[in-house]
Amino acid sequence: MGEKKKKIIKTIKIDVNKCNGCRSCEMICSAFHATPKYSSNSPERSRIRVMFDPMRDLYFPVYAGEYTAAECMGRDRYIIDGKEYDECGLCRAACPSRTLFHEPDSCLPLKCDMCEDDPAQEKPLCVQWCINDALIYEEREEQVDEQETLEDVKIGLESMIDKYGWEKVMDTVARVSASKKG
């Protein structure tokens, strides 16, 4: 069994009662992740999306989580404050059944990186730009097993190559590498 280590877990807590749907979180996220930085604004490239339920006039931000190669086995429904929601609308995963949280050019999955790119941010820009404090950045310390092994990375890469093809994966890696260097 692997050794346990302390790790800082970073999350964004969302208070849907405070979100007014201004989408400033989407705009700053897409601008921060543009190549070169702040050169464009495309909400499709954003790692956070504001969902809207027109029947209830409710906005709720969802930020991108892990990629999953498989679709959900069930479509559970949740009741929050007496209102019913579809599981898919609240899901943070990039999956094959929807285009949400996929890079529009390559279709590769996006994941929130908490704006830890260069220059590193004290807290994610979406949290900093949220005028109603609907997004709250939190850090907590947890005991976790050792970091991912090289085998875990290999399995993830093979899954993306199977899904998107070698050329799309390599093009995206080259583009991301160039943006990290320049």
N, C-alpha and C. Protein backbone atom coordinates (compact mmCIF):
# COMPACT_ATOMS: atom_id res chain seq x y z
N MET A 1 0.84 -1.18 0.00
CA MET A 1 0.00 0.00 0.00
C MET A 1 0.88 1.24 0.00
N GLY A 2 0.43 2.27 -0.69
CA GLY A 2 1.20 3.50 -0.80
C GLY A 2 1.22 4.29 0.49
N GLU A 3 2.21 5.13 0.59
CA GLU A 3 2.37 5.99 1.75
C GLU A 3 1.37 7.14 1.69
N LYS A 4 0.83 7.53 2.85
CA LYS A 4 -0.11 8.64 2.92
C LYS A 4 0.67 9.95 3.01
N LYS A 5 0.18 10.96 2.29
CA LYS A 5 0.78 12.29 2.32
C LYS A 5 -0.32 13.30 2.56
N LYS A 6 0.08 14.44 3.10
CA LYS A 6 -0.87 15.55 3.24
C LYS A 6 -0.91 16.31 1.93
N LYS A 7 -2.11 16.64 1.51
CA LYS A 7 -2.29 17.36 0.26
C LYS A 7 -3.33 18.46 0.47
N ILE A 8 -3.08 19.58 -0.15
CA ILE A 8 -4.04 20.69 -0.10
C ILE A 8 -5.07 20.46 -1.21
N ILE A 9 -6.33 20.36 -0.82
CA ILE A 9 -7.43 20.19 -1.76
C ILE A 9 -8.05 21.57 -1.98
N LYS A 10 -8.11 21.98 -3.24
CA LYS A 10 -8.64 23.30 -3.60
C LYS A 10 -10.00 23.12 -4.26
N THR A 11 -10.99 23.84 -3.79
CA THR A 11 -12.34 23.76 -4.35
C THR A 11 -12.97 25.14 -4.44
N ILE A 12 -14.03 25.20 -5.20
CA ILE A 12 -14.83 26.41 -5.29
C ILE A 12 -16.22 26.05 -4.82
N LYS A 13 -16.64 26.68 -3.73
CA LYS A 13 -17.99 26.48 -3.22
C LYS A 13 -18.89 27.45 -3.95
N ILE A 14 -20.08 26.98 -4.33
CA ILE A 14 -20.99 27.79 -5.13
C ILE A 14 -22.28 28.04 -4.36
N ASP A 15 -22.63 29.32 -4.23
CA ASP A 15 -23.87 29.72 -3.59
C ASP A 15 -24.82 30.19 -4.70
N VAL A 16 -25.70 29.29 -5.16
CA VAL A 16 -26.59 29.61 -6.28
C VAL A 16 -27.56 30.74 -5.96
N ASN A 17 -27.82 30.95 -4.70
CA ASN A 17 -28.74 32.03 -4.32
C ASN A 17 -28.15 33.41 -4.58
N LYS A 18 -26.83 33.49 -4.74
CA LYS A 18 -26.18 34.79 -4.98
C LYS A 18 -25.86 35.04 -6.45
N CYS A 19 -25.91 34.00 -7.28
CA CYS A 19 -25.54 34.16 -8.70
C CYS A 19 -26.65 34.86 -9.47
N ASN A 20 -26.27 35.94 -10.20
CA ASN A 20 -27.25 36.68 -10.99
C ASN A 20 -27.09 36.42 -12.49
N GLY A 21 -26.20 35.50 -12.85
CA GLY A 21 -26.02 35.14 -14.25
C GLY A 21 -25.23 36.12 -15.08
N CYS A 22 -24.38 36.93 -14.46
CA CYS A 22 -23.62 37.95 -15.20
C CYS A 22 -22.57 37.35 -16.13
N ARG A 23 -22.14 36.14 -15.85
CA ARG A 23 -21.17 35.39 -16.65
C ARG A 23 -19.76 36.01 -16.66
N SER A 24 -19.46 36.88 -15.73
CA SER A 24 -18.10 37.44 -15.69
C SER A 24 -17.09 36.33 -15.38
N CYS A 25 -17.51 35.31 -14.65
CA CYS A 25 -16.62 34.18 -14.37
C CYS A 25 -16.23 33.47 -15.66
N GLU A 26 -17.18 33.28 -16.56
CA GLU A 26 -16.90 32.65 -17.86
C GLU A 26 -15.96 33.50 -18.69
N MET A 27 -16.20 34.81 -18.71
CA MET A 27 -15.39 35.70 -19.54
C MET A 27 -13.93 35.73 -19.08
N ILE A 28 -13.70 35.89 -17.76
CA ILE A 28 -12.32 35.99 -17.30
C ILE A 28 -11.60 34.64 -17.45
N CYS A 29 -12.31 33.55 -17.24
CA CYS A 29 -11.69 32.23 -17.40
C CYS A 29 -11.26 31.99 -18.84
N SER A 30 -12.15 32.29 -19.79
CA SER A 30 -11.78 32.07 -21.19
C SER A 30 -10.65 33.01 -21.62
N ALA A 31 -10.64 34.24 -21.12
CA ALA A 31 -9.56 35.17 -21.47
C ALA A 31 -8.23 34.72 -20.87
N PHE A 32 -8.25 34.24 -19.62
CA PHE A 32 -7.03 33.79 -18.96
C PHE A 32 -6.43 32.57 -19.67
N HIS A 33 -7.29 31.70 -20.20
CA HIS A 33 -6.82 30.48 -20.86
C HIS A 33 -6.66 30.64 -22.37
N ALA A 34 -6.83 31.86 -22.90
CA ALA A 34 -6.63 32.10 -24.34
C ALA A 34 -5.14 32.03 -24.64
N THR A 35 -4.82 31.81 -25.92
CA THR A 35 -3.43 31.80 -26.36
C THR A 35 -3.26 32.88 -27.41
N PRO A 36 -2.45 33.91 -27.15
CA PRO A 36 -1.81 34.26 -25.88
C PRO A 36 -2.84 34.76 -24.86
N LYS A 37 -2.42 34.77 -23.61
CA LYS A 37 -3.32 35.15 -22.51
C LYS A 37 -4.02 36.47 -22.78
N TYR A 38 -5.31 36.48 -22.46
CA TYR A 38 -6.17 37.67 -22.55
C TYR A 38 -6.31 38.21 -23.98
N SER A 39 -5.99 37.39 -24.98
CA SER A 39 -6.08 37.85 -26.37
C SER A 39 -7.47 37.66 -26.97
N SER A 40 -8.28 36.83 -26.34
CA SER A 40 -9.64 36.60 -26.87
C SER A 40 -10.56 36.19 -25.74
N ASN A 41 -11.85 36.14 -26.07
CA ASN A 41 -12.85 35.76 -25.09
C ASN A 41 -13.83 34.82 -25.78
N SER A 42 -13.80 33.54 -25.43
CA SER A 42 -14.70 32.55 -26.01
C SER A 42 -15.23 31.69 -24.88
N PRO A 43 -16.48 31.88 -24.47
CA PRO A 43 -17.04 31.10 -23.36
C PRO A 43 -16.93 29.58 -23.57
N GLU A 44 -16.85 29.12 -24.82
CA GLU A 44 -16.69 27.69 -25.07
C GLU A 44 -15.37 27.16 -24.52
N ARG A 45 -14.38 28.03 -24.34
CA ARG A 45 -13.08 27.62 -23.80
C ARG A 45 -13.01 27.78 -22.28
N SER A 46 -14.05 28.30 -21.70
CA SER A 46 -14.09 28.53 -20.26
C SER A 46 -14.20 27.22 -19.50
N ARG A 47 -13.52 27.17 -18.36
CA ARG A 47 -13.59 26.00 -17.48
C ARG A 47 -14.71 26.14 -16.45
N ILE A 48 -15.49 27.19 -16.56
CA ILE A 48 -16.67 27.38 -15.71
C ILE A 48 -17.80 27.83 -16.62
N ARG A 49 -18.98 27.30 -16.37
CA ARG A 49 -20.15 27.67 -17.16
C ARG A 49 -21.30 28.00 -16.23
N VAL A 50 -22.06 29.00 -16.60
CA VAL A 50 -23.24 29.37 -15.82
C VAL A 50 -24.45 28.75 -16.51
N MET A 51 -25.09 27.83 -15.82
CA MET A 51 -26.30 27.17 -16.34
C MET A 51 -27.49 28.04 -15.94
N PHE A 52 -28.55 27.94 -16.73
CA PHE A 52 -29.74 28.73 -16.46
C PHE A 52 -30.96 27.84 -16.56
N ASP A 53 -31.79 27.93 -15.56
CA ASP A 53 -33.07 27.23 -15.54
C ASP A 53 -34.15 28.29 -15.74
N PRO A 54 -34.65 28.47 -16.98
CA PRO A 54 -35.60 29.55 -17.24
C PRO A 54 -36.95 29.37 -16.54
N MET A 55 -37.32 28.13 -16.27
CA MET A 55 -38.61 27.90 -15.61
C MET A 55 -38.59 28.39 -14.16
N ARG A 56 -37.41 28.40 -13.56
CA ARG A 56 -37.28 28.81 -12.16
C ARG A 56 -36.48 30.10 -12.01
N ASP A 57 -36.04 30.68 -13.16
CA ASP A 57 -35.23 31.88 -13.16
C ASP A 57 -34.05 31.74 -12.20
N LEU A 58 -33.30 30.63 -12.38
CA LEU A 58 -32.19 30.32 -11.49
C LEU A 58 -30.92 30.10 -12.31
N TYR A 59 -29.83 30.73 -11.87
CA TYR A 59 -28.52 30.55 -12.48
C TYR A 59 -27.66 29.74 -11.52
N PHE A 60 -26.85 28.82 -12.08
CA PHE A 60 -25.92 28.12 -11.22
C PHE A 60 -24.63 27.80 -11.98
N PRO A 61 -23.51 28.32 -11.46
CA PRO A 61 -22.20 28.07 -12.06
C PRO A 61 -21.75 26.62 -11.79
N VAL A 62 -21.11 26.03 -12.79
CA VAL A 62 -20.54 24.69 -12.67
C VAL A 62 -19.13 24.78 -13.25
N TYR A 63 -18.13 24.33 -12.50
CA TYR A 63 -16.76 24.37 -13.04
C TYR A 63 -16.30 22.97 -13.42
N ALA A 64 -15.43 22.90 -14.43
CA ALA A 64 -15.02 21.64 -15.05
C ALA A 64 -14.24 20.75 -14.09
N GLY A 65 -14.60 19.49 -14.09
CA GLY A 65 -13.94 18.49 -13.27
C GLY A 65 -13.15 17.51 -14.12
N GLU A 66 -13.05 16.30 -13.65
CA GLU A 66 -12.28 15.26 -14.33
C GLU A 66 -12.95 14.80 -15.62
N TYR A 67 -12.16 14.31 -16.55
CA TYR A 67 -12.67 13.69 -17.77
C TYR A 67 -13.12 12.28 -17.44
N THR A 68 -14.22 11.85 -18.04
CA THR A 68 -14.65 10.47 -17.91
C THR A 68 -14.92 9.93 -19.30
N ALA A 69 -14.37 8.75 -19.59
CA ALA A 69 -14.51 8.15 -20.91
C ALA A 69 -15.88 7.54 -21.13
N ALA A 70 -16.63 7.33 -20.05
CA ALA A 70 -17.94 6.69 -20.15
C ALA A 70 -19.05 7.65 -19.75
N GLU A 71 -20.22 7.44 -20.35
CA GLU A 71 -21.38 8.22 -19.96
C GLU A 71 -21.92 7.68 -18.64
N CYS A 72 -22.73 8.47 -17.98
CA CYS A 72 -23.34 8.04 -16.72
C CYS A 72 -24.21 6.82 -16.95
N MET A 73 -24.30 6.00 -15.92
CA MET A 73 -25.17 4.83 -15.99
C MET A 73 -26.62 5.23 -15.69
N GLY A 74 -26.82 6.29 -14.98
CA GLY A 74 -28.17 6.71 -14.63
C GLY A 74 -28.33 8.20 -14.74
N ARG A 75 -29.51 8.61 -14.82
CA ARG A 75 -29.81 10.04 -14.86
C ARG A 75 -30.60 10.38 -13.61
N ASP A 76 -29.88 10.50 -12.52
CA ASP A 76 -30.53 10.81 -11.25
C ASP A 76 -31.05 12.22 -11.27
N ARG A 77 -32.01 12.48 -10.41
CA ARG A 77 -32.56 13.82 -10.25
C ARG A 77 -32.36 14.22 -8.80
N TYR A 78 -32.09 15.49 -8.59
CA TYR A 78 -31.84 16.02 -7.26
C TYR A 78 -32.90 17.05 -6.92
N ILE A 79 -33.28 17.10 -5.67
CA ILE A 79 -34.20 18.13 -5.20
C ILE A 79 -33.41 19.05 -4.28
N ILE A 80 -33.33 20.30 -4.66
CA ILE A 80 -32.60 21.32 -3.91
C ILE A 80 -33.57 22.45 -3.62
N ASP A 81 -33.77 22.73 -2.37
CA ASP A 81 -34.72 23.77 -1.95
C ASP A 81 -36.09 23.58 -2.61
N GLY A 82 -36.54 22.33 -2.67
CA GLY A 82 -37.85 22.02 -3.22
C GLY A 82 -37.93 22.04 -4.74
N LYS A 83 -36.80 22.26 -5.41
CA LYS A 83 -36.77 22.30 -6.88
C LYS A 83 -36.01 21.09 -7.39
N GLU A 84 -36.49 20.49 -8.48
CA GLU A 84 -35.89 19.27 -9.02
C GLU A 84 -34.92 19.62 -10.15
N TYR A 85 -33.73 18.98 -10.13
CA TYR A 85 -32.70 19.21 -11.14
C TYR A 85 -32.21 17.89 -11.71
N ASP A 86 -31.85 17.93 -12.99
CA ASP A 86 -31.28 16.78 -13.67
C ASP A 86 -29.81 16.68 -13.30
N GLU A 87 -29.32 15.49 -13.08
CA GLU A 87 -27.92 15.26 -12.70
C GLU A 87 -26.96 15.81 -13.74
N CYS A 88 -27.29 15.70 -15.00
CA CYS A 88 -26.40 16.13 -16.08
C CYS A 88 -26.12 17.63 -15.99
N GLY A 89 -27.10 18.43 -15.63
CA GLY A 89 -26.91 19.86 -15.54
C GLY A 89 -25.98 20.27 -14.42
N LEU A 90 -25.85 19.45 -13.40
CA LEU A 90 -24.98 19.76 -12.27
C LEU A 90 -23.62 19.07 -12.35
N CYS A 91 -23.44 18.24 -13.36
CA CYS A 91 -22.22 17.43 -13.47
C CYS A 91 -21.03 18.27 -13.91
N ARG A 92 -19.87 18.01 -13.32
CA ARG A 92 -18.64 18.75 -13.64
C ARG A 92 -17.78 18.01 -14.65
N ALA A 93 -18.13 16.77 -15.01
CA ALA A 93 -17.28 15.95 -15.88
C ALA A 93 -17.43 16.31 -17.35
N ALA A 94 -16.34 16.18 -18.08
CA ALA A 94 -16.38 16.21 -19.54
C ALA A 94 -16.61 14.76 -19.95
N CYS A 95 -17.68 14.49 -20.68
CA CYS A 95 -18.00 13.11 -21.05
C CYS A 95 -18.45 13.04 -22.50
N PRO A 96 -18.59 11.83 -23.05
CA PRO A 96 -18.96 11.67 -24.46
C PRO A 96 -20.39 12.11 -24.80
N SER A 97 -21.27 12.25 -23.81
CA SER A 97 -22.67 12.53 -24.14
C SER A 97 -23.00 14.02 -24.27
N ARG A 98 -22.04 14.90 -24.03
CA ARG A 98 -22.31 16.32 -24.17
C ARG A 98 -21.03 17.06 -24.54
N THR A 99 -21.17 18.25 -25.10
CA THR A 99 -20.01 19.02 -25.55
C THR A 99 -19.48 19.95 -24.48
N LEU A 100 -20.19 20.08 -23.37
CA LEU A 100 -19.77 20.97 -22.29
C LEU A 100 -18.39 20.55 -21.76
N PHE A 101 -17.54 21.52 -21.53
CA PHE A 101 -16.19 21.33 -21.01
C PHE A 101 -15.29 20.54 -21.97
N HIS A 102 -15.47 20.79 -23.25
CA HIS A 102 -14.57 20.25 -24.27
C HIS A 102 -14.02 21.43 -25.06
N GLU A 103 -12.73 21.40 -25.37
CA GLU A 103 -12.07 22.43 -26.15
C GLU A 103 -12.72 22.44 -27.53
N PRO A 104 -13.23 23.59 -28.00
CA PRO A 104 -14.01 23.61 -29.25
C PRO A 104 -13.25 23.20 -30.50
N ASP A 105 -11.95 23.46 -30.59
CA ASP A 105 -11.20 23.12 -31.80
C ASP A 105 -10.83 21.64 -31.85
N SER A 106 -10.34 21.11 -30.75
CA SER A 106 -9.85 19.73 -30.74
C SER A 106 -10.83 18.74 -30.12
N CYS A 107 -11.84 19.24 -29.41
CA CYS A 107 -12.81 18.41 -28.67
C CYS A 107 -12.19 17.69 -27.47
N LEU A 108 -10.96 18.04 -27.11
CA LEU A 108 -10.34 17.44 -25.93
C LEU A 108 -10.96 18.05 -24.67
N PRO A 109 -11.02 17.27 -23.60
CA PRO A 109 -11.69 17.75 -22.38
C PRO A 109 -10.92 18.87 -21.69
N LEU A 110 -11.67 19.76 -21.07
CA LEU A 110 -11.11 20.84 -20.26
C LEU A 110 -11.31 20.50 -18.80
N LYS A 111 -10.42 20.97 -17.95
CA LYS A 111 -10.55 20.80 -16.52
C LYS A 111 -10.11 22.08 -15.83
N CYS A 112 -10.81 22.46 -14.80
CA CYS A 112 -10.44 23.65 -14.04
C CYS A 112 -9.08 23.43 -13.40
N ASP A 113 -8.18 24.38 -13.59
CA ASP A 113 -6.83 24.30 -13.01
C ASP A 113 -6.64 25.30 -11.87
N MET A 114 -7.74 25.90 -11.41
CA MET A 114 -7.73 26.89 -10.33
C MET A 114 -6.79 28.06 -10.63
N CYS A 115 -6.58 28.35 -11.91
CA CYS A 115 -5.73 29.46 -12.37
C CYS A 115 -4.32 29.39 -11.77
N GLU A 116 -3.79 28.19 -11.71
CA GLU A 116 -2.44 28.02 -11.16
C GLU A 116 -1.36 28.16 -12.21
N ASP A 117 -1.71 28.70 -13.35
CA ASP A 117 -0.76 28.90 -14.43
C ASP A 117 0.16 30.07 -14.07
N ASP A 118 1.06 30.39 -14.96
CA ASP A 118 2.00 31.48 -14.76
C ASP A 118 1.38 32.77 -15.29
N PRO A 119 1.18 33.81 -14.57
CA PRO A 119 1.50 33.94 -13.15
C PRO A 119 0.44 33.27 -12.29
N ALA A 120 0.87 32.62 -11.23
CA ALA A 120 -0.05 31.94 -10.33
C ALA A 120 -0.94 32.96 -9.63
N GLN A 121 -2.19 32.60 -9.46
CA GLN A 121 -3.16 33.48 -8.81
C GLN A 121 -3.35 33.04 -7.35
N GLU A 122 -3.61 33.98 -6.47
CA GLU A 122 -3.87 33.65 -5.07
C GLU A 122 -5.13 32.80 -4.95
N LYS A 123 -6.13 33.16 -5.73
CA LYS A 123 -7.35 32.35 -5.84
C LYS A 123 -7.81 32.45 -7.28
N PRO A 124 -8.62 31.50 -7.74
CA PRO A 124 -9.04 31.50 -9.16
C PRO A 124 -9.67 32.84 -9.56
N LEU A 125 -9.42 33.22 -10.81
CA LEU A 125 -9.92 34.50 -11.31
C LEU A 125 -11.45 34.56 -11.30
N CYS A 126 -12.11 33.43 -11.53
CA CYS A 126 -13.58 33.46 -11.51
C CYS A 126 -14.09 33.89 -10.14
N VAL A 127 -13.40 33.47 -9.09
CA VAL A 127 -13.78 33.85 -7.72
C VAL A 127 -13.50 35.34 -7.51
N GLN A 128 -12.34 35.79 -7.99
CA GLN A 128 -11.98 37.20 -7.85
C GLN A 128 -12.95 38.13 -8.59
N TRP A 129 -13.47 37.69 -9.73
CA TRP A 129 -14.32 38.53 -10.56
C TRP A 129 -15.80 38.40 -10.23
N CYS A 130 -16.17 37.51 -9.32
CA CYS A 130 -17.58 37.32 -8.98
C CYS A 130 -18.05 38.47 -8.10
N ILE A 131 -18.85 39.34 -8.65
CA ILE A 131 -19.26 40.56 -7.93
C ILE A 131 -20.26 40.29 -6.82
N ASN A 132 -20.92 39.13 -6.84
CA ASN A 132 -21.94 38.82 -5.82
C ASN A 132 -21.47 37.79 -4.80
N ASP A 133 -20.21 37.42 -4.85
CA ASP A 133 -19.64 36.41 -3.95
C ASP A 133 -20.39 35.08 -4.01
N ALA A 134 -20.84 34.70 -5.22
CA ALA A 134 -21.49 33.41 -5.41
C ALA A 134 -20.46 32.29 -5.48
N LEU A 135 -19.21 32.65 -5.79
CA LEU A 135 -18.11 31.68 -5.87
C LEU A 135 -17.16 31.93 -4.71
N ILE A 136 -16.92 30.89 -3.92
CA ILE A 136 -16.07 31.02 -2.74
C ILE A 136 -14.95 29.99 -2.83
N TYR A 137 -13.71 30.48 -2.83
CA TYR A 137 -12.54 29.59 -2.92
C TYR A 137 -12.23 29.02 -1.54
N GLU A 138 -11.99 27.71 -1.49
CA GLU A 138 -11.66 27.05 -0.23
C GLU A 138 -10.48 26.11 -0.41
N GLU A 139 -9.66 26.02 0.61
CA GLU A 139 -8.56 25.05 0.66
C GLU A 139 -8.71 24.25 1.93
N ARG A 140 -8.46 22.94 1.83
CA ARG A 140 -8.45 22.09 3.02
C ARG A 140 -7.35 21.05 2.85
N GLU A 141 -6.84 20.58 3.97
CA GLU A 141 -5.77 19.60 3.95
C GLU A 141 -6.35 18.21 4.19
N GLU A 142 -5.93 17.24 3.36
CA GLU A 142 -6.40 15.87 3.50
C GLU A 142 -5.23 14.91 3.40
N GLN A 143 -5.39 13.76 4.01
CA GLN A 143 -4.43 12.67 3.86
C GLN A 143 -4.80 11.90 2.60
N VAL A 144 -3.88 11.76 1.68
CA VAL A 144 -4.14 11.05 0.43
C VAL A 144 -3.01 10.06 0.15
N ASP A 145 -3.31 9.09 -0.72
CA ASP A 145 -2.27 8.16 -1.16
C ASP A 145 -1.28 8.92 -2.02
N GLU A 146 -0.15 8.28 -2.32
CA GLU A 146 0.88 8.88 -3.17
C GLU A 146 0.28 9.47 -4.43
N GLN A 147 1.01 10.35 -5.07
CA GLN A 147 0.59 10.98 -6.31
C GLN A 147 0.32 9.91 -7.38
N GLU A 148 -0.35 10.34 -8.46
CA GLU A 148 -0.64 9.45 -9.57
C GLU A 148 0.67 8.83 -10.08
N THR A 149 0.57 7.58 -10.47
CA THR A 149 1.74 6.90 -11.02
C THR A 149 1.82 7.18 -12.51
N LEU A 150 2.96 6.88 -13.09
CA LEU A 150 3.13 7.03 -14.52
C LEU A 150 2.14 6.14 -15.26
N GLU A 151 1.79 5.00 -14.69
CA GLU A 151 0.82 4.09 -15.30
C GLU A 151 -0.56 4.77 -15.39
N ASP A 152 -0.95 5.53 -14.36
CA ASP A 152 -2.23 6.25 -14.39
C ASP A 152 -2.25 7.27 -15.53
N VAL A 153 -1.14 7.97 -15.74
CA VAL A 153 -1.05 8.95 -16.81
C VAL A 153 -1.14 8.25 -18.16
N LYS A 154 -0.46 7.12 -18.27
CA LYS A 154 -0.48 6.34 -19.52
C LYS A 154 -1.90 5.89 -19.86
N ILE A 155 -2.64 5.41 -18.89
CA ILE A 155 -4.01 4.95 -19.11
C ILE A 155 -4.88 6.11 -19.57
N GLY A 156 -4.73 7.27 -18.92
CA GLY A 156 -5.50 8.45 -19.31
C GLY A 156 -5.19 8.90 -20.73
N LEU A 157 -3.90 8.92 -21.09
CA LEU A 157 -3.50 9.32 -22.43
C LEU A 157 -4.03 8.34 -23.48
N GLU A 158 -3.91 7.04 -23.19
CA GLU A 158 -4.42 6.04 -24.14
C GLU A 158 -5.92 6.20 -24.34
N SER A 159 -6.64 6.51 -23.30
CA SER A 159 -8.08 6.70 -23.39
C SER A 159 -8.40 7.90 -24.28
N MET A 160 -7.66 9.00 -24.12
CA MET A 160 -7.91 10.18 -24.95
C MET A 160 -7.51 9.92 -26.40
N ILE A 161 -6.44 9.18 -26.63
CA ILE A 161 -6.03 8.85 -28.00
C ILE A 161 -7.09 7.97 -28.66
N ASP A 162 -7.61 6.99 -27.92
CA ASP A 162 -8.67 6.13 -28.46
C ASP A 162 -9.89 6.95 -28.83
N LYS A 163 -10.23 7.92 -28.00
CA LYS A 163 -11.45 8.72 -28.21
C LYS A 163 -11.26 9.77 -29.30
N TYR A 164 -10.12 10.52 -29.28
CA TYR A 164 -9.96 11.68 -30.13
C TYR A 164 -8.96 11.50 -31.27
N GLY A 165 -8.15 10.47 -31.20
CA GLY A 165 -7.14 10.25 -32.23
C GLY A 165 -5.80 10.88 -31.86
N TRP A 166 -4.73 10.26 -32.35
CA TRP A 166 -3.37 10.67 -32.06
C TRP A 166 -3.10 12.11 -32.47
N GLU A 167 -3.54 12.51 -33.68
CA GLU A 167 -3.24 13.85 -34.20
C GLU A 167 -3.87 14.95 -33.35
N LYS A 168 -5.14 14.80 -32.95
CA LYS A 168 -5.79 15.83 -32.13
C LYS A 168 -5.10 15.96 -30.78
N VAL A 169 -4.74 14.84 -30.19
CA VAL A 169 -4.07 14.88 -28.88
C VAL A 169 -2.72 15.57 -29.02
N MET A 170 -1.94 15.21 -30.04
CA MET A 170 -0.62 15.82 -30.23
C MET A 170 -0.72 17.30 -30.58
N ASP A 171 -1.70 17.68 -31.41
CA ASP A 171 -1.89 19.10 -31.74
C ASP A 171 -2.20 19.90 -30.48
N THR A 172 -3.06 19.36 -29.65
CA THR A 172 -3.43 20.06 -28.41
C THR A 172 -2.25 20.15 -27.46
N VAL A 173 -1.48 19.07 -27.33
CA VAL A 173 -0.30 19.09 -26.46
C VAL A 173 0.69 20.13 -26.96
N ALA A 174 0.90 20.20 -28.28
CA ALA A 174 1.83 21.19 -28.85
C ALA A 174 1.35 22.61 -28.56
N ARG A 175 0.03 22.85 -28.74
CA ARG A 175 -0.52 24.19 -28.51
C ARG A 175 -0.41 24.59 -27.04
N VAL A 176 -0.73 23.65 -26.15
CA VAL A 176 -0.65 23.94 -24.73
C VAL A 176 0.81 24.17 -24.31
N SER A 177 1.72 23.35 -24.85
CA SER A 177 3.14 23.52 -24.55
C SER A 177 3.64 24.88 -24.99
N ALA A 178 3.22 25.31 -26.18
CA ALA A 178 3.65 26.61 -26.70
C ALA A 178 3.11 27.73 -25.83
N SER A 179 1.88 27.60 -25.35
CA SER A 179 1.31 28.67 -24.51
C SER A 179 1.98 28.71 -23.14
N LYS A 180 2.45 27.58 -22.64
CA LYS A 180 3.14 27.55 -21.34
C LYS A 180 4.53 28.18 -21.45
N LYS A 181 5.18 28.04 -22.61
CA LYS A 181 6.52 28.59 -22.79
C LYS A 181 6.50 30.07 -23.11
N GLY A 182 5.47 30.50 -23.85
CA GLY A 182 5.48 31.88 -24.33
C GLY A 182 4.50 32.70 -23.63
